[in-house]
Amino acid sequence: MTRHMLHALDSLKERVEELGRTVLDSVVDATEAVMSGNLDLANRVIQGDSAIDLEEVEVEEECLKVLALHQPVATDLRLLVGILKLNNDLERIGDLAVSIAGHANSIHLPGDEKLVDLMKRLSRRSQEMLQLGLDCLIRQDGALAERVCAADDDVDELYSIIRSETQSLLMNETRLEPKQIEGLMRFVSVARSLERIADHATNIAEDVIYMVTGEISRHGSLRGLRPWKGKE
């Protein structure tokens, strides 16, 4: 590896790590905006998305430049390809944060504390998976990345429960007001976005596994692992 390529790869890794921190902040703020009805916070998330989009494009362009100028091989090529892939995942997570923020102050639930508790758990798990995915990237920790991948089933289960509980309310509660019906539909949309964020966090962890080992684990199964359960 030449000194110039080493510097270029280190710079790219630092930029995508910083992009990850920015995206995580957007997810945290978007979720808080929805749960609290904070429109100022929601608008901050929405307005900040253009900077995330711009950085994603610039990182991709820099990756392609390094590929053309230095023609990396082996470990260096895996690092570059991994950065390209997870860079796109981070941009998509930013878009999902915007989608979540767009529902701020529009979710009116029929006083169902169980649904609120489920959403808080789903939000917490999704954010934890994203944080751990970023930690995997920074530390280049393949073992931790595998735990993050295994944790996705837990998030899927929470999303499935939320969807089932919401459908039950819509079908069985005859006194729902129109705004409550709309609120429940928006609630499911937020839950779906959080589930997708966890999917992208899994993609990031899989990209780290590829960087570290050369193994392409996406679309495969990681059976036999002890899932990382996060905090209750």
C-alpha atoms as a PDB file:
ATOM      1  CA  MET A   1       0.000   0.000   0.000  1.00  0.00           C
ATOM      2  CA  THR A   2       1.377   3.401  -0.965  1.00  0.00           C
ATOM      3  CA  ARG A   3       1.472   6.251   1.494  1.00  0.00           C
ATOM      4  CA  HIS A   4      -1.025   8.224  -0.625  1.00  0.00           C
ATOM      5  CA  MET A   5      -3.510   5.357  -0.764  1.00  0.00           C
ATOM      6  CA  LEU A   6      -3.178   4.742   2.978  1.00  0.00           C
ATOM      7  CA  HIS A   7      -3.980   8.399   3.621  1.00  0.00           C
ATOM      8  CA  ALA A   8      -6.930   8.286   1.199  1.00  0.00           C
ATOM      9  CA  LEU A   9      -8.415   5.165   2.811  1.00  0.00           C
ATOM     10  CA  ASP A  10      -7.959   6.528   6.333  1.00  0.00           C
ATOM     11  CA  SER A  11      -9.646   9.764   5.277  1.00  0.00           C
ATOM     12  CA  LEU A  12     -12.585   7.889   3.753  1.00  0.00           C
ATOM     13  CA  LYS A  13     -12.996   5.748   6.846  1.00  0.00           C
ATOM     14  CA  GLU A  14     -13.036   8.844   9.054  1.00  0.00           C
ATOM     15  CA  ARG A  15     -15.598  10.553   6.825  1.00  0.00           C
ATOM     16  CA  VAL A  16     -17.974   7.608   6.809  1.00  0.00           C
ATOM     17  CA  GLU A  17     -17.615   7.223  10.585  1.00  0.00           C
ATOM     18  CA  GLU A  18     -18.572  10.891  10.997  1.00  0.00           C
ATOM     19  CA  LEU A  19     -21.478  10.430   8.585  1.00  0.00           C
ATOM     20  CA  GLY A  20     -22.603   7.511  10.725  1.00  0.00           C
ATOM     21  CA  ARG A  21     -22.618   9.664  13.850  1.00  0.00           C
ATOM     22  CA  THR A  22     -24.642  12.336  12.049  1.00  0.00           C
ATOM     23  CA  VAL A  23     -27.167   9.767  10.832  1.00  0.00           C
ATOM     24  CA  LEU A  24     -27.495   8.234  14.301  1.00  0.00           C
ATOM     25  CA  ASP A  25     -28.225  11.688  15.734  1.00  0.00           C
ATOM     26  CA  SER A  26     -30.934  12.138  13.086  1.00  0.00           C
ATOM     27  CA  VAL A  27     -32.577   8.845  14.035  1.00  0.00           C
ATOM     28  CA  VAL A  28     -32.511   9.688  17.744  1.00  0.00           C
ATOM     29  CA  ASP A  29     -33.919  13.176  17.117  1.00  0.00           C
ATOM     30  CA  ALA A  30     -36.592  11.936  14.700  1.00  0.00           C
ATOM     31  CA  THR A  31     -37.848   9.341  17.154  1.00  0.00           C
ATOM     32  CA  GLU A  32     -37.895  11.849  19.992  1.00  0.00           C
ATOM     33  CA  ALA A  33     -39.775  14.308  17.767  1.00  0.00           C
ATOM     34  CA  VAL A  34     -42.485  11.735  17.053  1.00  0.00           C
ATOM     35  CA  MET A  35     -42.850  10.552  20.643  1.00  0.00           C
ATOM     36  CA  SER A  36     -42.985  14.102  22.028  1.00  0.00           C
ATOM     37  CA  GLY A  37     -44.628  15.945  19.121  1.00  0.00           C
ATOM     38  CA  ASN A  38     -41.645  18.313  18.907  1.00  0.00           C
ATOM     39  CA  LEU A  39     -42.007  19.974  15.496  1.00  0.00           C
ATOM     40  CA  ASP A  40     -38.834  22.053  15.844  1.00  0.00           C
ATOM     41  CA  LEU A  41     -36.805  18.898  16.355  1.00  0.00           C
ATOM     42  CA  ALA A  42     -38.580  17.208  13.448  1.00  0.00           C
ATOM     43  CA  ASN A  43     -37.819  20.150  11.166  1.00  0.00           C
ATOM     44  CA  ARG A  44     -34.160  20.035  12.183  1.00  0.00           C
ATOM     45  CA  VAL A  45     -33.983  16.404  11.087  1.00  0.00           C
ATOM     46  CA  ILE A  46     -35.698  17.142   7.790  1.00  0.00           C
ATOM     47  CA  GLN A  47     -33.548  20.178   7.029  1.00  0.00           C
ATOM     48  CA  GLY A  48     -30.358  18.311   7.916  1.00  0.00           C
ATOM     49  CA  ASP A  49     -30.961  15.554   5.380  1.00  0.00           C
ATOM     50  CA  SER A  50     -29.519  17.522   2.462  1.00  0.00           C
ATOM     51  CA  ALA A  51     -26.121  17.617   4.191  1.00  0.00           C
ATOM     52  CA  ILE A  52     -26.257  13.830   4.655  1.00  0.00           C
ATOM     53  CA  ASP A  53     -27.141  13.362   0.979  1.00  0.00           C
ATOM     54  CA  LEU A  54     -24.287  15.618  -0.122  1.00  0.00           C
ATOM     55  CA  GLU A  55     -21.738  13.826   2.045  1.00  0.00           C
ATOM     56  CA  GLU A  56     -22.905  10.443   0.749  1.00  0.00           C
ATOM     57  CA  VAL A  57     -22.321  11.579  -2.833  1.00  0.00           C
ATOM     58  CA  GLU A  58     -18.915  13.063  -2.033  1.00  0.00           C
ATOM     59  CA  VAL A  59     -17.767   9.916  -0.208  1.00  0.00           C
ATOM     60  CA  GLU A  60     -18.860   7.775  -3.158  1.00  0.00           C
ATOM     61  CA  GLU A  61     -17.014  10.024  -5.604  1.00  0.00           C
ATOM     62  CA  GLU A  62     -13.878   9.854  -3.467  1.00  0.00           C
ATOM     63  CA  CYS A  63     -14.128   6.044  -3.311  1.00  0.00           C
ATOM     64  CA  LEU A  64     -14.316   5.849  -7.092  1.00  0.00           C
ATOM     65  CA  LYS A  65     -11.360   8.205  -7.395  1.00  0.00           C
ATOM     66  CA  VAL A  66      -9.247   6.030  -5.084  1.00  0.00           C
ATOM     67  CA  LEU A  67     -10.301   2.956  -7.045  1.00  0.00           C
ATOM     68  CA  ALA A  68      -9.268   4.540 -10.351  1.00  0.00           C
ATOM     69  CA  LEU A  69      -6.012   6.131  -9.195  1.00  0.00           C
ATOM     70  CA  HIS A  70      -4.622   3.485  -6.839  1.00  0.00           C
ATOM     71  CA  GLN A  71      -6.273   0.237  -7.996  1.00  0.00           C
ATOM     72  CA  PRO A  72      -6.295  -1.312  -4.501  1.00  0.00           C
ATOM     73  CA  VAL A  73      -6.275  -5.087  -4.065  1.00  0.00           C
ATOM     74  CA  ALA A  74      -6.981  -7.630  -1.313  1.00  0.00           C
ATOM     75  CA  THR A  75      -7.666  -6.048   2.100  1.00  0.00           C
ATOM     76  CA  ASP A  76      -7.517  -2.492   0.767  1.00  0.00           C
ATOM     77  CA  LEU A  77     -10.045  -3.286  -1.945  1.00  0.00           C
ATOM     78  CA  ARG A  78     -12.373  -4.920   0.594  1.00  0.00           C
ATOM     79  CA  LEU A  79     -12.178  -1.826   2.781  1.00  0.00           C
ATOM     80  CA  LEU A  80     -13.002   0.434  -0.150  1.00  0.00           C
ATOM     81  CA  VAL A  81     -15.910  -1.717  -1.354  1.00  0.00           C
ATOM     82  CA  GLY A  82     -17.224  -1.976   2.207  1.00  0.00           C
ATOM     83  CA  ILE A  83     -17.148   1.800   2.609  1.00  0.00           C
ATOM     84  CA  LEU A  84     -19.032   2.228  -0.672  1.00  0.00           C
ATOM     85  CA  LYS A  85     -21.757  -0.173   0.439  1.00  0.00           C
ATOM     86  CA  LEU A  86     -22.281   1.071   3.975  1.00  0.00           C
ATOM     87  CA  ASN A  87     -22.119   4.679   2.752  1.00  0.00           C
ATOM     88  CA  ASN A  88     -25.322   3.979   0.828  1.00  0.00           C
ATOM     89  CA  ASP A  89     -26.910   2.296   3.855  1.00  0.00           C
ATOM     90  CA  LEU A  90     -26.205   5.371   5.976  1.00  0.00           C
ATOM     91  CA  GLU A  91     -27.850   7.650   3.417  1.00  0.00           C
ATOM     92  CA  ARG A  92     -30.924   5.419   3.368  1.00  0.00           C
ATOM     93  CA  ILE A  93     -31.095   5.502   7.165  1.00  0.00           C
ATOM     94  CA  GLY A  94     -31.027   9.293   6.942  1.00  0.00           C
ATOM     95  CA  ASP A  95     -34.006   9.155   4.580  1.00  0.00           C
ATOM     96  CA  LEU A  96     -35.863   6.900   7.016  1.00  0.00           C
ATOM     97  CA  ALA A  97     -35.183   9.372   9.829  1.00  0.00           C
ATOM     98  CA  VAL A  98     -36.789  12.069   7.680  1.00  0.00           C
ATOM     99  CA  SER A  99     -39.784   9.810   7.095  1.00  0.00           C
ATOM    100  CA  ILE A 100     -40.149   9.290  10.851  1.00  0.00           C
ATOM    101  CA  ALA A 101     -39.801  13.003  11.575  1.00  0.00           C
ATOM    102  CA  GLY A 102     -42.565  13.739   9.066  1.00  0.00           C
ATOM    103  CA  HIS A 103     -45.068  12.074  11.402  1.00  0.00           C
ATOM    104  CA  ALA A 104     -44.312  14.356  14.359  1.00  0.00           C
ATOM    105  CA  ASN A 105     -47.450  15.782  15.966  1.00  0.00           C
ATOM    106  CA  SER A 106     -49.638  13.623  13.683  1.00  0.00           C
ATOM    107  CA  ILE A 107     -49.950  10.458  15.759  1.00  0.00           C
ATOM    108  CA  HIS A 108     -53.083  10.388  17.905  1.00  0.00           C
ATOM    109  CA  LEU A 109     -53.499   7.063  19.692  1.00  0.00           C
ATOM    110  CA  PRO A 110     -56.585   5.853  21.589  1.00  0.00           C
ATOM    111  CA  GLY A 111     -54.814   5.882  24.955  1.00  0.00           C
ATOM    112  CA  ASP A 112     -53.033   2.568  24.396  1.00  0.00           C
ATOM    113  CA  GLU A 113     -49.970   2.484  26.660  1.00  0.00           C
ATOM    114  CA  LYS A 114     -48.998  -0.973  25.409  1.00  0.00           C
ATOM    115  CA  LEU A 115     -48.453   0.374  21.904  1.00  0.00           C
ATOM    116  CA  VAL A 116     -46.389   3.282  23.200  1.00  0.00           C
ATOM    117  CA  ASP A 117     -44.228   0.932  25.253  1.00  0.00           C
ATOM    118  CA  LEU A 118     -43.696  -1.349  22.254  1.00  0.00           C
ATOM    119  CA  MET A 119     -42.670   1.617  20.119  1.00  0.00           C
ATOM    120  CA  LYS A 120     -40.184   2.773  22.744  1.00  0.00           C
ATOM    121  CA  ARG A 121     -38.652  -0.698  22.843  1.00  0.00           C
ATOM    122  CA  LEU A 122     -38.474  -0.895  19.050  1.00  0.00           C
ATOM    123  CA  SER A 123     -36.903   2.549  18.851  1.00  0.00           C
ATOM    124  CA  ARG A 124     -34.340   1.705  21.509  1.00  0.00           C
ATOM    125  CA  ARG A 125     -33.379  -1.582  19.875  1.00  0.00           C
ATOM    126  CA  SER A 126     -33.042  -0.030  16.413  1.00  0.00           C
ATOM    127  CA  GLN A 127     -30.866   2.774  17.747  1.00  0.00           C
ATOM    128  CA  GLU A 128     -28.730   0.314  19.702  1.00  0.00           C
ATOM    129  CA  MET A 129     -28.213  -1.822  16.604  1.00  0.00           C
ATOM    130  CA  LEU A 130     -27.160   1.227  14.607  1.00  0.00           C
ATOM    131  CA  GLN A 131     -24.786   2.356  17.359  1.00  0.00           C
ATOM    132  CA  LEU A 132     -23.268  -1.131  17.569  1.00  0.00           C
ATOM    133  CA  GLY A 133     -22.992  -1.282  13.795  1.00  0.00           C
ATOM    134  CA  LEU A 134     -21.002   1.951  13.839  1.00  0.00           C
ATOM    135  CA  ASP A 135     -18.850   0.625  16.687  1.00  0.00           C
ATOM    136  CA  CYS A 136     -18.101  -2.436  14.544  1.00  0.00           C
ATOM    137  CA  LEU A 137     -16.959  -0.142  11.761  1.00  0.00           C
ATOM    138  CA  ILE A 138     -14.721   1.975  13.962  1.00  0.00           C
ATOM    139  CA  ARG A 139     -13.149  -1.043  15.659  1.00  0.00           C
ATOM    140  CA  GLN A 140     -13.245  -3.326  12.595  1.00  0.00           C
ATOM    141  CA  ASP A 141     -14.719  -5.947  14.913  1.00  0.00           C
ATOM    142  CA  GLY A 142     -16.146  -8.873  12.962  1.00  0.00           C
ATOM    143  CA  ALA A 143     -17.284 -10.782  16.054  1.00  0.00           C
ATOM    144  CA  LEU A 144     -19.379  -7.865  17.307  1.00  0.00           C
ATOM    145  CA  ALA A 145     -20.751  -7.411  13.798  1.00  0.00           C
ATOM    146  CA  GLU A 146     -22.044 -10.990  13.853  1.00  0.00           C
ATOM    147  CA  ARG A 147     -23.892 -10.298  17.114  1.00  0.00           C
ATOM    148  CA  VAL A 148     -25.542  -7.259  15.553  1.00  0.00           C
ATOM    149  CA  CYS A 149     -26.706  -9.368  12.607  1.00  0.00           C
ATOM    150  CA  ALA A 150     -28.163 -11.963  14.957  1.00  0.00           C
ATOM    151  CA  ALA A 151     -30.095  -9.267  16.852  1.00  0.00           C
ATOM    152  CA  ASP A 152     -32.227  -8.310  13.865  1.00  0.00           C
ATOM    153  CA  ASP A 153     -34.761 -11.062  14.584  1.00  0.00           C
ATOM    154  CA  ASP A 154     -35.633  -9.354  17.879  1.00  0.00           C
ATOM    155  CA  VAL A 155     -36.466  -6.111  16.077  1.00  0.00           C
ATOM    156  CA  ASP A 156     -38.506  -7.976  13.467  1.00  0.00           C
ATOM    157  CA  GLU A 157     -40.528  -9.601  16.242  1.00  0.00           C
ATOM    158  CA  LEU A 158     -41.251  -6.255  17.915  1.00  0.00           C
ATOM    159  CA  TYR A 159     -42.391  -4.785  14.611  1.00  0.00           C
ATOM    160  CA  SER A 160     -44.640  -7.778  13.990  1.00  0.00           C
ATOM    161  CA  ILE A 161     -46.242  -7.365  17.428  1.00  0.00           C
ATOM    162  CA  ILE A 162     -46.845  -3.647  16.852  1.00  0.00           C
ATOM    163  CA  ARG A 163     -48.460  -4.333  13.492  1.00  0.00           C
ATOM    164  CA  SER A 164     -50.649  -7.073  14.977  1.00  0.00           C
ATOM    165  CA  GLU A 165     -51.734  -4.942  17.945  1.00  0.00           C
ATOM    166  CA  THR A 166     -52.535  -2.018  15.668  1.00  0.00           C
ATOM    167  CA  GLN A 167     -54.577  -4.150  13.280  1.00  0.00           C
ATOM    168  CA  SER A 168     -56.495  -5.557  16.239  1.00  0.00           C
ATOM    169  CA  LEU A 169     -57.385  -2.060  17.415  1.00  0.00           C
ATOM    170  CA  LEU A 170     -58.491  -1.000  13.942  1.00  0.00           C
ATOM    171  CA  MET A 171     -60.694  -4.072  13.520  1.00  0.00           C
ATOM    172  CA  ASN A 172     -62.198  -4.331  17.001  1.00  0.00           C
ATOM    173  CA  GLU A 173     -62.420  -0.798  18.366  1.00  0.00           C
ATOM    174  CA  THR A 174     -65.636   0.675  16.952  1.00  0.00           C
ATOM    175  CA  ARG A 175     -65.393   4.098  18.578  1.00  0.00           C
ATOM    176  CA  LEU A 176     -62.164   5.281  17.009  1.00  0.00           C
ATOM    177  CA  GLU A 177     -62.168   8.842  15.734  1.00  0.00           C
ATOM    178  CA  PRO A 178     -60.862   9.539  12.211  1.00  0.00           C
ATOM    179  CA  LYS A 179     -57.719  11.190  13.574  1.00  0.00           C
ATOM    180  CA  GLN A 180     -57.071   8.126  15.748  1.00  0.00           C
ATOM    181  CA  ILE A 181     -57.394   5.821  12.748  1.00  0.00           C
ATOM    182  CA  GLU A 182     -54.963   7.998  10.821  1.00  0.00           C
ATOM    183  CA  GLY A 183     -52.694   8.120  13.862  1.00  0.00           C
ATOM    184  CA  LEU A 184     -52.582   4.335  14.083  1.00  0.00           C
ATOM    185  CA  MET A 185     -51.677   4.084  10.401  1.00  0.00           C
ATOM    186  CA  ARG A 186     -48.886   6.604  10.893  1.00  0.00           C
ATOM    187  CA  PHE A 187     -47.771   4.703  13.986  1.00  0.00           C
ATOM    188  CA  VAL A 188     -47.277   1.553  11.916  1.00  0.00           C
ATOM    189  CA  SER A 189     -45.395   3.575   9.301  1.00  0.00           C
ATOM    190  CA  VAL A 190     -42.974   4.829  11.969  1.00  0.00           C
ATOM    191  CA  ALA A 191     -42.524   1.285  13.271  1.00  0.00           C
ATOM    192  CA  ARG A 192     -41.811   0.078   9.746  1.00  0.00           C
ATOM    193  CA  SER A 193     -39.160   2.774   9.299  1.00  0.00           C
ATOM    194  CA  LEU A 194     -37.491   1.749  12.564  1.00  0.00           C
ATOM    195  CA  GLU A 195     -37.516  -1.885  11.443  1.00  0.00           C
ATOM    196  CA  ARG A 196     -35.893  -0.845   8.165  1.00  0.00           C
ATOM    197  CA  ILE A 197     -33.246   1.124  10.087  1.00  0.00           C
ATOM    198  CA  ALA A 198     -32.380  -2.072  11.942  1.00  0.00           C
ATOM    199  CA  ASP A 199     -32.133  -3.867   8.588  1.00  0.00           C
ATOM    200  CA  HIS A 200     -29.667  -1.263   7.355  1.00  0.00           C
ATOM    201  CA  ALA A 201     -27.711  -1.548  10.609  1.00  0.00           C
ATOM    202  CA  THR A 202     -27.493  -5.263   9.863  1.00  0.00           C
ATOM    203  CA  ASN A 203     -26.226  -4.442   6.378  1.00  0.00           C
ATOM    204  CA  ILE A 204     -23.531  -2.236   7.910  1.00  0.00           C
ATOM    205  CA  ALA A 205     -22.474  -5.052  10.225  1.00  0.00           C
ATOM    206  CA  GLU A 206     -22.354  -7.432   7.261  1.00  0.00           C
ATOM    207  CA  ASP A 207     -20.199  -4.919   5.387  1.00  0.00           C
ATOM    208  CA  VAL A 208     -17.793  -4.872   8.328  1.00  0.00           C
ATOM    209  CA  ILE A 209     -17.643  -8.680   8.277  1.00  0.00           C
ATOM    210  CA  TYR A 210     -16.731  -8.435   4.590  1.00  0.00           C
ATOM    211  CA  MET A 211     -14.045  -5.837   5.296  1.00  0.00           C
ATOM    212  CA  VAL A 212     -12.482  -7.939   8.035  1.00  0.00           C
ATOM    213  CA  THR A 213     -12.822 -11.468   6.658  1.00  0.00           C
ATOM    214  CA  GLY A 214     -13.718 -11.203   2.984  1.00  0.00           C
ATOM    215  CA  GLU A 215     -16.892 -13.189   3.675  1.00  0.00           C
ATOM    216  CA  ILE A 216     -20.080 -11.979   1.996  1.00  0.00           C
ATOM    217  CA  SER A 217     -22.731 -12.811   4.582  1.00  0.00           C
ATOM    218  CA  ARG A 218     -25.589 -10.725   3.187  1.00  0.00           C
ATOM    219  CA  HIS A 219     -28.674 -12.823   2.352  1.00  0.00           C
ATOM    220  CA  GLY A 220     -27.166 -15.668   4.342  1.00  0.00           C
ATOM    221  CA  SER A 221     -28.002 -16.839   7.838  1.00  0.00           C
ATOM    222  CA  LEU A 222     -25.797 -16.686  10.896  1.00  0.00           C
ATOM    223  CA  ARG A 223     -27.166 -19.698  12.714  1.00  0.00           C
ATOM    224  CA  GLY A 224     -25.886 -20.774  16.068  1.00  0.00           C
ATOM    225  CA  LEU A 225     -25.010 -17.277  17.241  1.00  0.00           C
ATOM    226  CA  ARG A 226     -26.141 -15.880  20.527  1.00  0.00           C
ATOM    227  CA  PRO A 227     -28.192 -12.809  19.533  1.00  0.00           C
ATOM    228  CA  TRP A 228     -27.167  -9.492  20.991  1.00  0.00           C
ATOM    229  CA  LYS A 229     -30.282  -8.474  22.906  1.00  0.00           C
ATOM    230  CA  GLY A 230     -29.434  -4.916  23.866  1.00  0.00           C
ATOM    231  CA  LYS A 231     -30.964  -3.178  26.837  1.00  0.00           C
ATOM    232  CA  GLU A 232     -34.486  -3.704  28.063  1.00  0.00           C
END
